[in-house]
Amino acid sequence: MKTKKIPMRMCLGCGEMKPKKELVRAVKSPDGEISIDLTGKKSGRGAYICRSLDCFKLARKGRKLEKSFSCMIEDEVYDRMEAELSDEQ
């Protein structure tokens, strides 16, 4: 019997490869809106971060999401995403 391959993604904060299910997805929708996608089903460009605020803050400080999405991200967007992450924990 063949074992199912677990999809791995890299956290933008700590840089570790982890199973996709353990990470939370940030998504840039086709209309340019950036948000946290807790379902993992929203359409658009995705980037992954550990479910910890520490990793989110590292990604924010290093502007990793901006590099991944090739755009500037306003502080209000980061603050909203941080609030969503902390609500989930």
N, C-alpha and C. Protein backbone atom coordinates (compact mmCIF):
# COMPACT_ATOMS: atom_id res chain seq x y z
N MET A 1 0.84 -1.19 0.00
CA MET A 1 0.00 0.00 0.00
C MET A 1 0.88 1.25 0.00
N LYS A 2 0.52 2.20 -0.83
CA LYS A 2 1.30 3.42 -0.96
C LYS A 2 0.85 4.44 0.10
N THR A 3 1.84 5.03 0.81
CA THR A 3 1.48 6.04 1.79
C THR A 3 1.27 7.37 1.10
N LYS A 4 0.31 8.14 1.60
CA LYS A 4 -0.01 9.42 1.00
C LYS A 4 1.05 10.45 1.38
N LYS A 5 1.54 11.19 0.39
CA LYS A 5 2.57 12.20 0.61
C LYS A 5 1.95 13.41 1.31
N ILE A 6 2.61 13.88 2.36
CA ILE A 6 2.11 15.04 3.11
C ILE A 6 2.69 16.30 2.47
N PRO A 7 1.81 17.24 2.03
CA PRO A 7 2.34 18.47 1.43
C PRO A 7 3.06 19.33 2.48
N MET A 8 4.28 19.75 2.14
CA MET A 8 5.08 20.56 3.06
C MET A 8 5.17 21.98 2.53
N ARG A 9 5.19 22.93 3.44
CA ARG A 9 5.33 24.34 3.07
C ARG A 9 6.33 24.98 4.03
N MET A 10 6.97 26.07 3.57
CA MET A 10 7.94 26.76 4.42
C MET A 10 7.28 27.95 5.11
N CYS A 11 7.52 28.06 6.40
CA CYS A 11 7.02 29.20 7.17
C CYS A 11 7.86 30.43 6.81
N LEU A 12 7.20 31.54 6.50
CA LEU A 12 7.92 32.77 6.16
C LEU A 12 8.60 33.38 7.38
N GLY A 13 8.14 33.04 8.58
CA GLY A 13 8.74 33.59 9.78
C GLY A 13 10.02 32.88 10.17
N CYS A 14 9.92 31.60 10.50
CA CYS A 14 11.08 30.85 11.01
C CYS A 14 11.85 30.13 9.91
N GLY A 15 11.25 29.98 8.73
CA GLY A 15 11.94 29.33 7.62
C GLY A 15 11.93 27.81 7.67
N GLU A 16 11.19 27.22 8.62
CA GLU A 16 11.14 25.76 8.73
C GLU A 16 10.10 25.17 7.79
N MET A 17 10.42 23.99 7.25
CA MET A 17 9.45 23.26 6.44
C MET A 17 8.55 22.48 7.40
N LYS A 18 7.24 22.63 7.23
CA LYS A 18 6.28 21.95 8.09
C LYS A 18 5.12 21.45 7.25
N PRO A 19 4.37 20.46 7.76
CA PRO A 19 3.18 20.02 7.03
C PRO A 19 2.21 21.19 6.84
N LYS A 20 1.64 21.27 5.66
CA LYS A 20 0.74 22.37 5.28
C LYS A 20 -0.38 22.59 6.30
N LYS A 21 -0.91 21.49 6.86
CA LYS A 21 -2.02 21.59 7.81
C LYS A 21 -1.65 22.30 9.11
N GLU A 22 -0.35 22.30 9.46
CA GLU A 22 0.09 22.95 10.70
C GLU A 22 0.28 24.45 10.54
N LEU A 23 0.26 24.93 9.29
CA LEU A 23 0.51 26.34 9.03
C LEU A 23 -0.78 27.08 8.70
N VAL A 24 -0.73 28.39 8.80
CA VAL A 24 -1.86 29.22 8.42
C VAL A 24 -1.47 29.93 7.12
N ARG A 25 -2.44 30.12 6.23
CA ARG A 25 -2.16 30.67 4.91
C ARG A 25 -2.56 32.14 4.86
N ALA A 26 -1.62 32.95 4.38
CA ALA A 26 -1.95 34.34 4.04
C ALA A 26 -2.18 34.33 2.55
N VAL A 27 -3.18 35.07 2.09
CA VAL A 27 -3.52 35.03 0.67
C VAL A 27 -3.69 36.43 0.10
N LYS A 28 -3.20 36.60 -1.13
CA LYS A 28 -3.44 37.83 -1.88
C LYS A 28 -4.45 37.47 -2.96
N SER A 29 -5.66 37.99 -2.82
CA SER A 29 -6.73 37.65 -3.76
C SER A 29 -6.46 38.31 -5.12
N PRO A 30 -7.15 37.83 -6.17
CA PRO A 30 -6.94 38.42 -7.50
C PRO A 30 -7.19 39.94 -7.54
N ASP A 31 -8.05 40.46 -6.64
CA ASP A 31 -8.28 41.92 -6.63
C ASP A 31 -7.29 42.66 -5.73
N GLY A 32 -6.29 41.95 -5.20
CA GLY A 32 -5.21 42.59 -4.45
C GLY A 32 -5.39 42.67 -2.95
N GLU A 33 -6.50 42.13 -2.42
CA GLU A 33 -6.73 42.16 -0.98
C GLU A 33 -5.91 41.07 -0.29
N ILE A 34 -5.26 41.43 0.81
CA ILE A 34 -4.44 40.47 1.54
C ILE A 34 -5.12 40.15 2.87
N SER A 35 -5.24 38.86 3.17
CA SER A 35 -5.91 38.44 4.40
C SER A 35 -5.39 37.08 4.84
N ILE A 36 -5.79 36.68 6.06
CA ILE A 36 -5.48 35.36 6.58
C ILE A 36 -6.59 34.42 6.10
N ASP A 37 -6.19 33.28 5.56
CA ASP A 37 -7.14 32.29 5.05
C ASP A 37 -7.10 31.07 5.96
N LEU A 38 -8.00 31.03 6.93
CA LEU A 38 -8.01 29.93 7.89
C LEU A 38 -8.55 28.64 7.27
N THR A 39 -9.30 28.74 6.17
CA THR A 39 -9.84 27.55 5.52
C THR A 39 -8.85 26.94 4.54
N GLY A 40 -7.93 27.76 4.01
CA GLY A 40 -6.98 27.29 3.01
C GLY A 40 -7.60 27.13 1.64
N LYS A 41 -8.80 27.68 1.43
CA LYS A 41 -9.52 27.48 0.18
C LYS A 41 -9.70 28.75 -0.65
N LYS A 42 -9.36 29.92 -0.12
CA LYS A 42 -9.54 31.16 -0.88
C LYS A 42 -8.66 31.14 -2.12
N SER A 43 -9.16 31.75 -3.20
CA SER A 43 -8.35 31.79 -4.42
C SER A 43 -7.36 32.94 -4.33
N GLY A 44 -6.22 32.73 -4.95
CA GLY A 44 -5.19 33.77 -4.95
C GLY A 44 -3.84 33.19 -4.59
N ARG A 45 -2.84 34.06 -4.54
CA ARG A 45 -1.47 33.68 -4.22
C ARG A 45 -1.36 33.45 -2.73
N GLY A 46 -0.83 32.31 -2.33
CA GLY A 46 -0.73 31.98 -0.91
C GLY A 46 0.69 32.00 -0.39
N ALA A 47 0.82 32.29 0.89
CA ALA A 47 2.10 32.20 1.59
C ALA A 47 1.78 31.65 2.97
N TYR A 48 2.70 30.91 3.55
CA TYR A 48 2.39 30.20 4.78
C TYR A 48 3.23 30.70 5.96
N ILE A 49 2.58 30.70 7.14
CA ILE A 49 3.22 31.11 8.39
C ILE A 49 2.77 30.15 9.48
N CYS A 50 3.68 29.84 10.42
CA CYS A 50 3.30 29.03 11.58
C CYS A 50 2.13 29.71 12.31
N ARG A 51 1.42 28.95 13.09
CA ARG A 51 0.27 29.51 13.81
C ARG A 51 0.69 30.32 15.04
N SER A 52 1.96 30.66 15.17
CA SER A 52 2.42 31.43 16.33
C SER A 52 2.60 32.89 15.96
N LEU A 53 2.30 33.77 16.90
CA LEU A 53 2.47 35.21 16.67
C LEU A 53 3.94 35.57 16.49
N ASP A 54 4.84 34.79 17.12
CA ASP A 54 6.28 35.05 16.98
C ASP A 54 6.69 34.95 15.51
N CYS A 55 6.25 33.89 14.84
CA CYS A 55 6.59 33.71 13.42
C CYS A 55 5.96 34.81 12.57
N PHE A 56 4.73 35.19 12.91
CA PHE A 56 4.07 36.27 12.16
C PHE A 56 4.86 37.56 12.30
N LYS A 57 5.30 37.85 13.53
CA LYS A 57 6.06 39.08 13.77
C LYS A 57 7.40 39.07 13.05
N LEU A 58 8.05 37.89 12.99
CA LEU A 58 9.30 37.76 12.23
C LEU A 58 9.07 38.02 10.74
N ALA A 59 8.00 37.44 10.21
CA ALA A 59 7.67 37.63 8.79
C ALA A 59 7.35 39.10 8.51
N ARG A 60 6.65 39.74 9.45
CA ARG A 60 6.31 41.16 9.29
C ARG A 60 7.56 42.03 9.33
N LYS A 61 8.42 41.76 10.30
CA LYS A 61 9.64 42.55 10.46
C LYS A 61 10.54 42.43 9.23
N GLY A 62 10.65 41.23 8.68
CA GLY A 62 11.49 41.00 7.50
C GLY A 62 10.80 41.30 6.19
N ARG A 63 9.56 41.80 6.27
CA ARG A 63 8.76 42.10 5.08
C ARG A 63 8.65 40.91 4.12
N LYS A 64 8.57 39.70 4.70
CA LYS A 64 8.53 38.48 3.90
C LYS A 64 7.24 38.36 3.08
N LEU A 65 6.11 38.80 3.66
CA LEU A 65 4.85 38.73 2.91
C LEU A 65 4.88 39.69 1.72
N GLU A 66 5.47 40.86 1.92
CA GLU A 66 5.55 41.83 0.83
C GLU A 66 6.41 41.28 -0.31
N LYS A 67 7.50 40.58 0.04
CA LYS A 67 8.36 39.98 -0.98
C LYS A 67 7.61 38.85 -1.69
N SER A 68 6.89 38.06 -0.93
CA SER A 68 6.16 36.93 -1.50
C SER A 68 5.05 37.38 -2.45
N PHE A 69 4.35 38.47 -2.07
CA PHE A 69 3.23 38.95 -2.88
C PHE A 69 3.62 40.07 -3.83
N SER A 70 4.89 40.50 -3.80
CA SER A 70 5.40 41.58 -4.66
C SER A 70 4.56 42.85 -4.58
N CYS A 71 4.25 43.27 -3.37
CA CYS A 71 3.49 44.51 -3.19
C CYS A 71 3.73 45.08 -1.80
N MET A 72 3.35 46.33 -1.61
CA MET A 72 3.44 46.95 -0.28
C MET A 72 2.22 46.54 0.53
N ILE A 73 2.41 46.33 1.83
CA ILE A 73 1.30 45.95 2.69
C ILE A 73 1.19 47.01 3.79
N GLU A 74 0.00 47.59 3.92
CA GLU A 74 -0.25 48.63 4.92
C GLU A 74 -0.20 48.04 6.33
N ASP A 75 0.16 48.89 7.31
CA ASP A 75 0.21 48.45 8.71
C ASP A 75 -1.15 47.96 9.19
N GLU A 76 -2.24 48.59 8.72
CA GLU A 76 -3.58 48.17 9.15
C GLU A 76 -3.86 46.73 8.74
N VAL A 77 -3.36 46.34 7.56
CA VAL A 77 -3.56 44.97 7.08
C VAL A 77 -2.81 44.00 7.98
N TYR A 78 -1.55 44.34 8.30
CA TYR A 78 -0.77 43.50 9.22
C TYR A 78 -1.46 43.41 10.58
N ASP A 79 -1.95 44.54 11.09
CA ASP A 79 -2.61 44.55 12.40
C ASP A 79 -3.85 43.66 12.39
N ARG A 80 -4.64 43.74 11.29
CA ARG A 80 -5.84 42.91 11.19
C ARG A 80 -5.48 41.42 11.14
N MET A 81 -4.43 41.10 10.37
CA MET A 81 -3.99 39.71 10.27
C MET A 81 -3.48 39.20 11.62
N GLU A 82 -2.76 40.05 12.33
CA GLU A 82 -2.24 39.67 13.66
C GLU A 82 -3.40 39.43 14.62
N ALA A 83 -4.44 40.27 14.55
CA ALA A 83 -5.61 40.10 15.41
C ALA A 83 -6.32 38.78 15.08
N GLU A 84 -6.45 38.45 13.79
CA GLU A 84 -7.08 37.19 13.39
C GLU A 84 -6.29 35.99 13.92
N LEU A 85 -4.98 36.09 13.84
CA LEU A 85 -4.12 34.99 14.32
C LEU A 85 -4.25 34.82 15.83
N SER A 86 -4.25 35.93 16.56
CA SER A 86 -4.34 35.83 18.02
C SER A 86 -5.72 35.36 18.46
N ASP A 87 -6.78 35.69 17.69
CA ASP A 87 -8.13 35.20 18.00
C ASP A 87 -8.19 33.68 17.85
N GLU A 88 -7.44 33.15 16.87
CA GLU A 88 -7.48 31.73 16.58
C GLU A 88 -6.79 30.89 17.64
N GLN A 89 -5.85 31.50 18.37
CA GLN A 89 -5.07 30.72 19.34
C GLN A 89 -5.80 30.48 20.64
